[in-house]
PDB file of N, CA and C in Angstrom:
ATOM      1  N   MET A   1      13.472  -1.589  34.387  1.00  0.00           N
ATOM      2  CA  MET A   1      13.213  -0.471  33.619  1.00  0.00           C
ATOM      3  C   MET A   1      11.763  -0.363  33.181  1.00  0.00           C
ATOM      4  N   TYR A   2      11.116   0.602  33.541  1.00  0.00           N
ATOM      5  CA  TYR A   2       9.615   0.916  32.945  1.00  0.00           C
ATOM      6  C   TYR A   2       9.518   1.675  31.708  1.00  0.00           C
ATOM      7  N   ASP A   3       8.802   1.264  30.517  1.00  0.00           N
ATOM      8  CA  ASP A   3       8.524   2.057  29.604  1.00  0.00           C
ATOM      9  C   ASP A   3       7.227   3.044  29.935  1.00  0.00           C
ATOM     10  N   CYS A   4       7.067   4.225  29.502  1.00  0.00           N
ATOM     11  CA  CYS A   4       5.904   4.892  29.817  1.00  0.00           C
ATOM     12  C   CYS A   4       5.595   5.529  28.234  1.00  0.00           C
ATOM     13  N   PHE A   5       4.262   5.073  27.931  1.00  0.00           N
ATOM     14  CA  PHE A   5       3.782   5.570  26.607  1.00  0.00           C
ATOM     15  C   PHE A   5       2.564   6.529  26.827  1.00  0.00           C
ATOM     16  N   TYR A   6       2.806   7.634  25.941  1.00  0.00           N
ATOM     17  CA  TYR A   6       1.608   8.460  26.092  1.00  0.00           C
ATOM     18  C   TYR A   6       0.835   8.091  24.788  1.00  0.00           C
ATOM     19  N   PRO A   7      -0.588   8.223  24.674  1.00  0.00           N
ATOM     20  CA  PRO A   7      -1.327   8.002  23.616  1.00  0.00           C
ATOM     21  C   PRO A   7      -0.752   8.474  22.254  1.00  0.00           C
ATOM     22  N   ASP A   8      -0.159   9.589  22.106  1.00  0.00           N
ATOM     23  CA  ASP A   8       0.275  10.227  21.076  1.00  0.00           C
ATOM     24  C   ASP A   8       1.517   9.431  20.422  1.00  0.00           C
ATOM     25  N   ASP A   9       2.467   8.683  21.586  1.00  0.00           N
ATOM     26  CA  ASP A   9       3.576   7.898  21.092  1.00  0.00           C
ATOM     27  C   ASP A   9       3.208   6.620  20.556  1.00  0.00           C
ATOM     28  N   ILE A  10       2.144   6.107  20.683  1.00  0.00           N
ATOM     29  CA  ILE A  10       1.802   4.754  20.218  1.00  0.00           C
ATOM     30  C   ILE A  10       1.315   4.725  18.916  1.00  0.00           C
ATOM     31  N   PRO A  11       1.933   4.210  17.917  1.00  0.00           N
ATOM     32  CA  PRO A  11       1.565   4.312  16.582  1.00  0.00           C
ATOM     33  C   PRO A  11       0.161   3.685  16.165  1.00  0.00           C
ATOM     34  N   ALA A  12      -0.578   4.407  15.435  1.00  0.00           N
ATOM     35  CA  ALA A  12      -1.898   4.000  14.794  1.00  0.00           C
ATOM     36  C   ALA A  12      -1.598   2.617  14.223  1.00  0.00           C
ATOM     37  N   PRO A  13      -2.792   1.717  14.443  1.00  0.00           N
ATOM     38  CA  PRO A  13      -2.675   0.448  13.797  1.00  0.00           C
ATOM     39  C   PRO A  13      -2.726   0.468  12.219  1.00  0.00           C
ATOM     40  N   ARG A  14      -1.787  -0.278  11.525  1.00  0.00           N
ATOM     41  CA  ARG A  14      -1.890  -0.214  10.094  1.00  0.00           C
ATOM     42  C   ARG A  14      -3.179  -0.882   9.489  1.00  0.00           C
ATOM     43  N   THR A  15      -3.755  -0.452   8.560  1.00  0.00           N
ATOM     44  CA  THR A  15      -4.679  -1.235   7.859  1.00  0.00           C
ATOM     45  C   THR A  15      -4.128  -2.147   7.048  1.00  0.00           C
ATOM     46  N   ARG A  16      -4.960  -3.375   7.112  1.00  0.00           N
ATOM     47  CA  ARG A  16      -4.357  -4.474   6.285  1.00  0.00           C
ATOM     48  C   ARG A  16      -4.398  -4.509   4.763  1.00  0.00           C
ATOM     49  N   LEU A  17      -3.744  -4.607   4.027  1.00  0.00           N
ATOM     50  CA  LEU A  17      -3.800  -4.535   2.491  1.00  0.00           C
ATOM     51  C   LEU A  17      -3.993  -6.027   2.055  1.00  0.00           C
ATOM     52  N   PRO A  18      -4.715  -6.196   0.893  1.00  0.00           N
ATOM     53  CA  PRO A  18      -4.628  -7.363   0.185  1.00  0.00           C
ATOM     54  C   PRO A  18      -3.342  -8.351   0.139  1.00  0.00           C
ATOM     55  N   ASP A  19      -3.446  -9.579   0.406  1.00  0.00           N
ATOM     56  CA  ASP A  19      -2.185 -10.237   0.477  1.00  0.00           C
ATOM     57  C   ASP A  19      -1.631 -10.870  -0.840  1.00  0.00           C
ATOM     58  N   LEU A  20      -2.537 -11.020  -1.726  1.00  0.00           N
ATOM     59  CA  LEU A  20      -2.350 -11.640  -3.099  1.00  0.00           C
ATOM     60  C   LEU A  20      -1.788 -10.585  -4.258  1.00  0.00           C
ATOM     61  N   ARG A  21      -2.134  -9.635  -4.035  1.00  0.00           N
ATOM     62  CA  ARG A  21      -1.651  -8.705  -5.003  1.00  0.00           C
ATOM     63  C   ARG A  21      -0.786  -7.450  -4.821  1.00  0.00           C
ATOM     64  N   ARG A  22      -0.146  -6.857  -5.760  1.00  0.00           N
ATOM     65  CA  ARG A  22       0.569  -5.813  -5.514  1.00  0.00           C
ATOM     66  C   ARG A  22      -0.291  -4.434  -5.632  1.00  0.00           C
ATOM     67  N   CYS A  23      -0.053  -3.674  -4.571  1.00  0.00           N
ATOM     68  CA  CYS A  23      -0.823  -2.552  -4.401  1.00  0.00           C
ATOM     69  C   CYS A  23      -0.305  -1.431  -3.908  1.00  0.00           C
ATOM     70  N   LEU A  24      -0.643  -0.096  -4.303  1.00  0.00           N
ATOM     71  CA  LEU A  24      -0.190   0.954  -3.986  1.00  0.00           C
ATOM     72  C   LEU A  24      -1.226   2.035  -3.181  1.00  0.00           C
ATOM     73  N   GLN A  25      -1.148   2.058  -1.866  1.00  0.00           N
ATOM     74  CA  GLN A  25      -2.071   2.744  -1.237  1.00  0.00           C
ATOM     75  C   GLN A  25      -1.835   4.319  -1.127  1.00  0.00           C
ATOM     76  N   LEU A  26      -2.749   5.059  -1.631  1.00  0.00           N
ATOM     77  CA  LEU A  26      -2.777   6.497  -1.534  1.00  0.00           C
ATOM     78  C   LEU A  26      -3.615   7.016  -0.754  1.00  0.00           C
ATOM     79  N   ARG A  27      -3.043   7.939   0.273  1.00  0.00           N
ATOM     80  CA  ARG A  27      -3.764   8.680   1.281  1.00  0.00           C
ATOM     81  C   ARG A  27      -3.483  10.078   1.241  1.00  0.00           C
ATOM     82  N   PRO A  28      -4.442  11.121   1.354  1.00  0.00           N
ATOM     83  CA  PRO A  28      -4.341  12.424   1.390  1.00  0.00           C
ATOM     84  C   PRO A  28      -3.783  12.903   2.455  1.00  0.00           C
ATOM     85  N   ALA A  29      -2.531  13.697   2.382  1.00  0.00           N
ATOM     86  CA  ALA A  29      -2.054  14.491   3.442  1.00  0.00           C
ATOM     87  C   ALA A  29      -2.935  15.621   3.888  1.00  0.00           C
ATOM     88  N   ALA A  30      -2.664  16.263   5.016  1.00  0.00           N
ATOM     89  CA  ALA A  30      -3.859  17.214   5.507  1.00  0.00           C
ATOM     90  C   ALA A  30      -4.080  18.258   4.320  1.00  0.00           C
ATOM     91  N   GLY A  31      -5.164  18.599   4.017  1.00  0.00           N
ATOM     92  CA  GLY A  31      -5.749  19.426   3.097  1.00  0.00           C
ATOM     93  C   GLY A  31      -5.610  18.945   1.580  1.00  0.00           C
ATOM     94  N   ALA A  32      -5.298  17.588   1.236  1.00  0.00           N
ATOM     95  CA  ALA A  32      -4.968  16.976  -0.133  1.00  0.00           C
ATOM     96  C   ALA A  32      -6.162  16.145  -0.478  1.00  0.00           C
ATOM     97  N   ASP A  33      -7.275  16.449  -0.087  1.00  0.00           N
ATOM     98  CA  ASP A  33      -8.388  15.616  -0.441  1.00  0.00           C
ATOM     99  C   ASP A  33      -8.712  15.568  -1.968  1.00  0.00           C
ATOM    100  N   ALA A  34      -8.602  17.079  -2.264  1.00  0.00           N
ATOM    101  CA  ALA A  34      -9.067  17.205  -3.669  1.00  0.00           C
ATOM    102  C   ALA A  34      -8.093  16.576  -4.725  1.00  0.00           C
ATOM    103  N   VAL A  35      -6.865  16.561  -4.262  1.00  0.00           N
ATOM    104  CA  VAL A  35      -5.885  15.919  -5.149  1.00  0.00           C
ATOM    105  C   VAL A  35      -5.916  14.446  -4.981  1.00  0.00           C
ATOM    106  N   LEU A  36      -6.474  13.894  -4.101  1.00  0.00           N
ATOM    107  CA  LEU A  36      -6.743  12.302  -4.214  1.00  0.00           C
ATOM    108  C   LEU A  36      -7.973  12.029  -5.010  1.00  0.00           C
ATOM    109  N   ARG A  37      -8.893  12.839  -4.799  1.00  0.00           N
ATOM    110  CA  ARG A  37     -10.273  12.640  -5.922  1.00  0.00           C
ATOM    111  C   ARG A  37      -9.604  13.044  -7.343  1.00  0.00           C
ATOM    112  N   GLU A  38      -8.758  13.800  -7.739  1.00  0.00           N
ATOM    113  CA  GLU A  38      -8.311  14.159  -9.142  1.00  0.00           C
ATOM    114  C   GLU A  38      -7.439  12.877  -9.450  1.00  0.00           C
ATOM    115  N   ALA A  39      -6.565  12.343  -8.661  1.00  0.00           N
ATOM    116  CA  ALA A  39      -5.846  11.107  -8.915  1.00  0.00           C
ATOM    117  C   ALA A  39      -6.768   9.868  -9.144  1.00  0.00           C
ATOM    118  N   GLU A  40      -7.670   9.602  -8.446  1.00  0.00           N
ATOM    119  CA  GLU A  40      -8.821   8.694  -8.756  1.00  0.00           C
ATOM    120  C   GLU A  40      -9.265   8.882  -9.982  1.00  0.00           C
ATOM    121  N   ARG A  41      -9.767   9.932 -10.341  1.00  0.00           N
ATOM    122  CA  ARG A  41     -10.322  10.143 -11.589  1.00  0.00           C
ATOM    123  C   ARG A  41      -9.292   9.810 -12.774  1.00  0.00           C
ATOM    124  N   GLN A  42      -8.169  10.472 -12.526  1.00  0.00           N
ATOM    125  CA  GLN A  42      -7.341  10.188 -13.853  1.00  0.00           C
ATOM    126  C   GLN A  42      -6.744   8.812 -13.780  1.00  0.00           C
ATOM    127  N   LEU A  43      -6.635   7.956 -12.763  1.00  0.00           N
ATOM    128  CA  LEU A  43      -6.310   6.551 -12.633  1.00  0.00           C
ATOM    129  C   LEU A  43      -7.289   5.778 -13.295  1.00  0.00           C
ATOM    130  N   ARG A  44      -8.695   6.134 -12.938  1.00  0.00           N
ATOM    131  CA  ARG A  44      -9.751   5.421 -13.642  1.00  0.00           C
ATOM    132  C   ARG A  44      -9.751   5.528 -15.037  1.00  0.00           C
ATOM    133  N   ALA A  45      -9.411   6.626 -15.390  1.00  0.00           N
ATOM    134  CA  ALA A  45      -9.472   6.987 -16.930  1.00  0.00           C
ATOM    135  C   ALA A  45      -8.292   6.142 -17.731  1.00  0.00           C
ATOM    136  N   LEU A  46      -7.295   5.944 -17.045  1.00  0.00           N
ATOM    137  CA  LEU A  46      -6.057   5.175 -17.523  1.00  0.00           C
ATOM    138  C   LEU A  46      -6.372   3.635 -17.626  1.00  0.00           C
ATOM    139  N   GLY A  47      -7.495   3.250 -16.835  1.00  0.00           N
ATOM    140  CA  GLY A  47      -7.817   1.767 -16.772  1.00  0.00           C
ATOM    141  C   GLY A  47      -7.045   1.014 -15.551  1.00  0.00           C
ATOM    142  N   PHE A  48      -6.546   1.804 -14.656  1.00  0.00           N
ATOM    143  CA  PHE A  48      -6.052   1.070 -13.416  1.00  0.00           C
ATOM    144  C   PHE A  48      -7.068   0.289 -12.629  1.00  0.00           C
ATOM    145  N   ALA A  49      -6.818  -0.720 -11.751  1.00  0.00           N
ATOM    146  CA  ALA A  49      -7.897  -1.413 -10.966  1.00  0.00           C
ATOM    147  C   ALA A  49      -7.709  -0.674  -9.688  1.00  0.00           C
ATOM    148  N   LEU A  50      -9.018   0.060  -9.167  1.00  0.00           N
ATOM    149  CA  LEU A  50      -8.887   0.711  -7.995  1.00  0.00           C
ATOM    150  C   LEU A  50     -10.034   0.220  -6.960  1.00  0.00           C
ATOM    151  N   GLU A  51      -9.620   0.573  -5.706  1.00  0.00           N
ATOM    152  CA  GLU A  51     -10.678   0.296  -4.575  1.00  0.00           C
ATOM    153  C   GLU A  51     -10.624   1.363  -3.563  1.00  0.00           C
ATOM    154  N   PRO A  52     -11.801   2.068  -3.399  1.00  0.00           N
ATOM    155  CA  PRO A  52     -11.595   3.254  -2.509  1.00  0.00           C
ATOM    156  C   PRO A  52     -11.868   2.618  -1.094  1.00  0.00           C
ATOM    157  N   ARG A  53     -11.095   3.073  -0.004  1.00  0.00           N
ATOM    158  CA  ARG A  53     -11.280   2.468   1.257  1.00  0.00           C
ATOM    159  C   ARG A  53     -12.009   3.219   2.085  1.00  0.00           C
ATOM    160  N   GLY A  54     -12.668   2.677   3.099  1.00  0.00           N
ATOM    161  CA  GLY A  54     -13.541   3.374   4.040  1.00  0.00           C
ATOM    162  C   GLY A  54     -12.724   4.352   4.824  1.00  0.00           C
ATOM    163  N   ASP A  55     -11.322   4.147   5.073  1.00  0.00           N
ATOM    164  CA  ASP A  55     -10.538   5.346   5.915  1.00  0.00           C
ATOM    165  C   ASP A  55     -10.198   6.471   4.882  1.00  0.00           C
ATOM    166  N   GLY A  56     -10.637   6.591   3.651  1.00  0.00           N
ATOM    167  CA  GLY A  56     -10.482   7.598   2.813  1.00  0.00           C
ATOM    168  C   GLY A  56      -9.355   7.574   1.854  1.00  0.00           C
ATOM    169  N   SER A  57      -8.644   6.592   1.767  1.00  0.00           N
ATOM    170  CA  SER A  57      -7.584   6.120   0.996  1.00  0.00           C
ATOM    171  C   SER A  57      -7.805   5.475  -0.313  1.00  0.00           C
ATOM    172  N   LEU A  58      -7.219   5.255  -1.036  1.00  0.00           N
ATOM    173  CA  LEU A  58      -7.277   4.608  -2.425  1.00  0.00           C
ATOM    174  C   LEU A  58      -6.322   3.554  -2.856  1.00  0.00           C
ATOM    175  N   LEU A  59      -6.477   2.342  -3.121  1.00  0.00           N
ATOM    176  CA  LEU A  59      -5.924   1.151  -3.499  1.00  0.00           C
ATOM    177  C   LEU A  59      -5.599   1.128  -5.021  1.00  0.00           C
ATOM    178  N   VAL A  60      -4.542   1.088  -5.610  1.00  0.00           N
ATOM    179  CA  VAL A  60      -4.379   0.731  -7.077  1.00  0.00           C
ATOM    180  C   VAL A  60      -3.395  -0.306  -6.969  1.00  0.00           C
ATOM    181  N   PHE A  61      -4.345  -1.380  -7.833  1.00  0.00           N
ATOM    182  CA  PHE A  61      -3.848  -2.628  -7.878  1.00  0.00           C
ATOM    183  C   PHE A  61      -2.715  -3.039  -9.048  1.00  0.00           C
ATOM    184  N   ASP A  62      -2.117  -4.120  -8.816  1.00  0.00           N
ATOM    185  CA  ASP A  62      -1.241  -4.828 -10.007  1.00  0.00           C
ATOM    186  C   ASP A  62      -0.549  -3.775 -10.796  1.00  0.00           C
ATOM    187  N   LEU A  63       0.524  -3.328 -10.277  1.00  0.00           N
ATOM    188  CA  LEU A  63       1.530  -2.344 -10.774  1.00  0.00           C
ATOM    189  C   LEU A  63       2.754  -2.549 -10.307  1.00  0.00           C
ATOM    190  N   SER A  64       3.724  -2.053 -11.294  1.00  0.00           N
ATOM    191  CA  SER A  64       5.015  -2.517 -10.845  1.00  0.00           C
ATOM    192  C   SER A  64       5.701  -1.337 -10.095  1.00  0.00           C
ATOM    193  N   VAL A  65       6.741  -1.661  -9.495  1.00  0.00           N
ATOM    194  CA  VAL A  65       7.539  -0.719  -8.530  1.00  0.00           C
ATOM    195  C   VAL A  65       7.705   0.572  -9.233  1.00  0.00           C
ATOM    196  N   LEU A  66       8.278   0.512 -10.443  1.00  0.00           N
ATOM    197  CA  LEU A  66       8.524   1.599 -11.190  1.00  0.00           C
ATOM    198  C   LEU A  66       7.202   2.570 -11.561  1.00  0.00           C
ATOM    199  N   THR A  67       6.054   1.973 -11.945  1.00  0.00           N
ATOM    200  CA  THR A  67       4.870   2.433 -12.004  1.00  0.00           C
ATOM    201  C   THR A  67       4.258   3.280 -10.735  1.00  0.00           C
ATOM    202  N   ALA A  68       4.559   2.327  -9.619  1.00  0.00           N
ATOM    203  CA  ALA A  68       4.263   3.136  -8.172  1.00  0.00           C
ATOM    204  C   ALA A  68       4.979   4.450  -7.962  1.00  0.00           C
ATOM    205  N   LEU A  69       6.335   4.290  -8.206  1.00  0.00           N
ATOM    206  CA  LEU A  69       7.235   5.472  -7.892  1.00  0.00           C
ATOM    207  C   LEU A  69       6.703   6.519  -8.890  1.00  0.00           C
ATOM    208  N   ALA A  70       6.467   6.344 -10.180  1.00  0.00           N
ATOM    209  CA  ALA A  70       5.968   7.378 -11.055  1.00  0.00           C
ATOM    210  C   ALA A  70       4.732   7.970 -10.687  1.00  0.00           C
ATOM    211  N   LEU A  71       3.929   7.255 -10.110  1.00  0.00           N
ATOM    212  CA  LEU A  71       2.664   7.789  -9.396  1.00  0.00           C
ATOM    213  C   LEU A  71       2.914   8.692  -8.305  1.00  0.00           C
ATOM    214  N   GLN A  72       3.789   8.046  -7.532  1.00  0.00           N
ATOM    215  CA  GLN A  72       3.992   9.174  -6.281  1.00  0.00           C
ATOM    216  C   GLN A  72       4.763  10.347  -6.519  1.00  0.00           C
ATOM    217  N   GLN A  73       5.526  10.128  -7.495  1.00  0.00           N
ATOM    218  CA  GLN A  73       6.092  11.537  -8.030  1.00  0.00           C
ATOM    219  C   GLN A  73       5.197  12.419  -8.731  1.00  0.00           C
ATOM    220  N   ARG A  74       4.077  11.794  -9.355  1.00  0.00           N
ATOM    221  CA  ARG A  74       2.995  12.630 -10.040  1.00  0.00           C
ATOM    222  C   ARG A  74       2.356  13.397  -9.060  1.00  0.00           C
ATOM    223  N   TRP A  75       1.805  12.929  -7.715  1.00  0.00           N
ATOM    224  CA  TRP A  75       1.158  13.408  -6.855  1.00  0.00           C
ATOM    225  C   TRP A  75       1.793  13.441  -5.445  1.00  0.00           C
ATOM    226  N   PRO A  76       2.889  14.338  -5.402  1.00  0.00           N
ATOM    227  CA  PRO A  76       3.747  14.215  -4.097  1.00  0.00           C
ATOM    228  C   PRO A  76       2.871  14.683  -2.793  1.00  0.00           C
ATOM    229  N   THR A  77       1.839  15.211  -2.963  1.00  0.00           N
ATOM    230  CA  THR A  77       1.044  15.739  -1.747  1.00  0.00           C
ATOM    231  C   THR A  77       0.358  14.437  -1.225  1.00  0.00           C
ATOM    232  N   LEU A  78       0.310  13.272  -1.866  1.00  0.00           N
ATOM    233  CA  LEU A  78      -0.427  12.083  -1.267  1.00  0.00           C
ATOM    234  C   LEU A  78       0.766  11.344  -0.544  1.00  0.00           C
ATOM    235  N   ILE A  79       0.227  10.683   0.433  1.00  0.00           N
ATOM    236  CA  ILE A  79       1.187   9.534   1.183  1.00  0.00           C
ATOM    237  C   ILE A  79       0.951   8.372   0.575  1.00  0.00           C
ATOM    238  N   ALA A  80       1.974   7.669   0.020  1.00  0.00           N
ATOM    239  CA  ALA A  80       2.095   6.445  -0.665  1.00  0.00           C
ATOM    240  C   ALA A  80       2.657   5.308   0.294  1.00  0.00           C
ATOM    241  N   ARG A  81       2.059   4.100   0.009  1.00  0.00           N
ATOM    242  CA  ARG A  81       2.718   2.848   0.670  1.00  0.00           C
ATOM    243  C   ARG A  81       2.318   1.675  -0.554  1.00  0.00           C
ATOM    244  N   PHE A  82       3.471   1.227  -0.903  1.00  0.00           N
ATOM    245  CA  PHE A  82       3.416   0.236  -1.910  1.00  0.00           C
ATOM    246  C   PHE A  82       3.778  -1.163  -1.160  1.00  0.00           C
ATOM    247  N   GLU A  83       2.907  -2.200  -1.472  1.00  0.00           N
ATOM    248  CA  GLU A  83       3.290  -3.567  -0.781  1.00  0.00           C
ATOM    249  C   GLU A  83       3.111  -4.551  -1.883  1.00  0.00           C
ATOM    250  N   THR A  84       3.991  -5.626  -1.828  1.00  0.00           N
ATOM    251  CA  THR A  84       3.965  -6.788  -2.668  1.00  0.00           C
ATOM    252  C   THR A  84       3.531  -8.070  -1.864  1.00  0.00           C
ATOM    253  N   PRO A  85       3.065  -9.122  -2.517  1.00  0.00           N
ATOM    254  CA  PRO A  85       2.675 -10.130  -1.989  1.00  0.00           C
ATOM    255  C   PRO A  85       4.136 -10.921  -1.227  1.00  0.00           C
ATOM    256  N   ALA A  86       3.943 -11.893  -0.328  1.00  0.00           N
ATOM    257  CA  ALA A  86       5.121 -12.570   0.217  1.00  0.00           C
ATOM    258  C   ALA A  86       5.461 -13.652  -0.833  1.00  0.00           C
ATOM    259  N   LEU A  87       6.422 -14.017  -1.078  1.00  0.00           N
ATOM    260  CA  LEU A  87       6.890 -14.927  -1.993  1.00  0.00           C
ATOM    261  C   LEU A  87       6.427 -16.302  -1.526  1.00  0.00           C
ATOM    262  N   CYS A  88       6.676 -16.501  -0.060  1.00  0.00           N
ATOM    263  CA  CYS A  88       6.506 -17.741   0.488  1.00  0.00           C
ATOM    264  C   CYS A  88       5.588 -17.487   1.524  1.00  0.00           C
ATOM    265  N   ARG A  89       3.976 -18.042   1.599  1.00  0.00           N
ATOM    266  CA  ARG A  89       3.177 -17.513   2.463  1.00  0.00           C
ATOM    267  C   ARG A  89       3.351 -18.415   3.832  1.00  0.00           C
ATOM    268  N   ASN A  90       3.743 -19.600   3.919  1.00  0.00           N
ATOM    269  CA  ASN A  90       3.768 -20.399   4.942  1.00  0.00           C
ATOM    270  C   ASN A  90       5.201 -20.003   5.844  1.00  0.00           C
ATOM    271  N   LEU A  91       4.850 -20.148   7.116  1.00  0.00           N
ATOM    272  CA  LEU A  91       6.034 -19.827   8.133  1.00  0.00           C
ATOM    273  C   LEU A  91       6.960 -20.664   7.889  1.00  0.00           C
ATOM    274  N   ARG A  92       6.577 -22.009   7.491  1.00  0.00           N
ATOM    275  CA  ARG A  92       7.771 -22.898   7.140  1.00  0.00           C
ATOM    276  C   ARG A  92       7.701 -23.372   5.678  1.00  0.00           C
ATOM    277  N   CYS A  93       8.712 -22.818   4.867  1.00  0.00           N
ATOM    278  CA  CYS A  93       8.796 -23.129   3.446  1.00  0.00           C
ATOM    279  C   CYS A  93       9.251 -24.398   3.165  1.00  0.00           C
ATOM    280  N   ASP A  94       8.467 -25.373   2.634  1.00  0.00           N
ATOM    281  CA  ASP A  94       9.065 -26.745   2.103  1.00  0.00           C
ATOM    282  C   ASP A  94       9.764 -26.918   0.935  1.00  0.00           C
ATOM    283  N   HIS A  95       9.883 -25.733   0.184  1.00  0.00           N
ATOM    284  CA  HIS A  95      10.289 -25.961  -1.030  1.00  0.00           C
ATOM    285  C   HIS A  95      11.911 -25.687  -1.138  1.00  0.00           C
ATOM    286  N   THR A  96      12.395 -25.692   0.184  1.00  0.00           N
ATOM    287  CA  THR A  96      13.816 -25.250   0.159  1.00  0.00           C
ATOM    288  C   THR A  96      14.595 -26.763   0.206  1.00  0.00           C
ATOM    289  N   THR A  97      13.923 -27.958   0.434  1.00  0.00           N
ATOM    290  CA  THR A  97      14.609 -29.086   0.636  1.00  0.00           C
ATOM    291  C   THR A  97      15.173 -29.569  -0.698  1.00  0.00           C
ATOM    292  N   SER A  98      16.322 -30.341  -0.899  1.00  0.00           N
ATOM    293  CA  SER A  98      16.885 -30.693  -1.981  1.00  0.00           C
ATOM    294  C   SER A  98      16.312 -32.246  -2.226  1.00  0.00           C
ATOM    295  N   SER A  99      16.165 -32.681  -3.468  1.00  0.00           N
ATOM    296  CA  SER A  99      15.891 -33.945  -3.714  1.00  0.00           C
ATOM    297  C   SER A  99      16.750 -34.755  -4.477  1.00  0.00           C
ATOM    298  N   THR A 100      18.051 -34.554  -3.991  1.00  0.00           N
ATOM    299  CA  THR A 100      19.153 -35.313  -4.988  1.00  0.00           C
ATOM    300  C   THR A 100      19.260 -36.583  -4.137  1.00  0.00           C
ATOM    301  N   ASN A 101      19.449 -37.746  -5.002  1.00  0.00           N
ATOM    302  CA  ASN A 101      19.885 -39.025  -4.266  1.00  0.00           C
ATOM    303  C   ASN A 101      21.138 -39.583  -4.704  1.00  0.00           C
TER     304      ASN A 101
END
């Protein structure tokens, strides 16, 4: 069996987000650039740690899941992606062994 992929079928590579901090990535949907700029202005006024990205998205750092959901509800025309750091960064986690004698 052979798989045929057309360029539109292949998902775009995902941008890598910071590994060690919780972050919410906000991207504008088609025609929502002004909404992203307004969201950035309001988030800066509220004191959130922000990082504008080269791809036009905005990262909001160090917030809880509930805050991320509230922000997504506040600006429903923005595409949001929330990521948390991994609990165990090694492929082999050595903290699972028991030390009982």
